[in-house]
Amino acid sequence: MAVPKKRTSKRRKGMRRAHDALKITAASEFCENCGELKLLHRVCGSCGVYRGVQVIAQSAAEPAAE
């Protein structure tokens, strides 16, 4: 097993971890039909509409998929 010969300094460790603090947010938008937040290029989970077309039939008794 490989073992480092020297201790990693705080500076080098910080430079390596510089990108860990970046927050990656998923691309999202509001649904044109119901106004719920949804991912881009995905069917809306609450109303089942994609690009203005009803893709998934939602009944009144069926709860919204989460």
Protein backbone atom coordinates (compact mmCIF):
# COMPACT_ATOMS: atom_id res chain seq x y z
CA MET A 1 0.00 0.00 0.00
CA ALA A 2 1.31 3.44 -0.93
CA VAL A 3 2.21 5.69 1.97
CA PRO A 4 3.10 9.37 1.53
CA LYS A 5 6.72 10.13 2.29
CA LYS A 6 6.04 13.64 3.59
CA ARG A 7 3.12 15.22 5.43
CA THR A 8 0.72 17.24 3.24
CA SER A 9 0.84 20.90 4.21
CA LYS A 10 -2.27 22.89 5.11
CA ARG A 11 -1.77 25.03 2.01
CA ARG A 12 -1.56 22.08 -0.39
CA LYS A 13 -4.51 20.38 1.30
CA GLY A 14 -6.53 23.58 0.99
CA MET A 15 -5.65 23.96 -2.69
CA ARG A 16 -6.77 20.40 -3.35
CA ARG A 17 -10.07 20.96 -1.54
CA ALA A 18 -10.75 24.32 -3.18
CA HIS A 19 -13.51 22.88 -5.38
CA ASP A 20 -15.30 21.09 -2.55
CA ALA A 21 -16.93 24.33 -1.44
CA LEU A 22 -18.56 24.95 -4.82
CA LYS A 23 -22.27 24.30 -4.75
CA ILE A 24 -23.53 22.47 -7.81
CA THR A 25 -27.20 23.19 -8.33
CA ALA A 26 -29.30 21.15 -10.68
CA ALA A 27 -30.76 23.05 -13.59
CA SER A 28 -34.38 23.68 -12.71
CA GLU A 29 -37.30 25.79 -13.85
CA PHE A 30 -40.93 26.37 -12.98
CA CYS A 31 -43.57 24.25 -14.70
CA GLU A 32 -45.60 26.23 -17.25
CA ASN A 33 -48.78 24.39 -16.30
CA CYS A 34 -48.83 24.25 -12.49
CA GLY A 35 -45.90 26.45 -11.41
CA GLU A 36 -44.07 23.74 -9.45
CA LEU A 37 -40.27 23.59 -9.54
CA LYS A 38 -39.01 20.81 -11.86
CA LEU A 39 -35.77 19.72 -13.50
CA LEU A 40 -35.07 20.79 -17.07
CA HIS A 41 -36.03 18.31 -19.81
CA ARG A 42 -38.11 16.24 -17.36
CA VAL A 43 -41.84 15.60 -16.94
CA CYS A 44 -43.36 17.64 -14.12
CA GLY A 45 -43.89 15.37 -11.13
CA SER A 46 -46.97 17.13 -9.87
CA CYS A 47 -49.05 17.55 -13.04
CA GLY A 48 -47.44 15.17 -15.57
CA VAL A 49 -46.99 17.77 -18.34
CA TYR A 50 -43.91 17.99 -20.57
CA ARG A 51 -43.53 20.91 -23.01
CA GLY A 52 -47.25 21.67 -22.91
CA VAL A 53 -48.35 18.07 -23.57
CA GLN A 54 -50.05 15.89 -20.93
CA VAL A 55 -47.69 12.88 -20.86
CA ILE A 56 -48.71 11.16 -17.62
CA ALA A 57 -52.38 10.95 -16.68
CA GLN A 58 -52.85 12.15 -13.11
CA SER A 59 -56.01 11.14 -11.26
CA ALA A 60 -57.43 13.17 -8.37
CA ALA A 61 -56.99 10.30 -5.91
CA GLU A 62 -53.35 9.68 -6.84
CA PRO A 63 -50.84 11.68 -4.75
CA ALA A 64 -48.04 13.53 -6.54
CA ALA A 65 -44.85 11.50 -6.94
CA GLU A 66 -41.99 12.85 -4.83
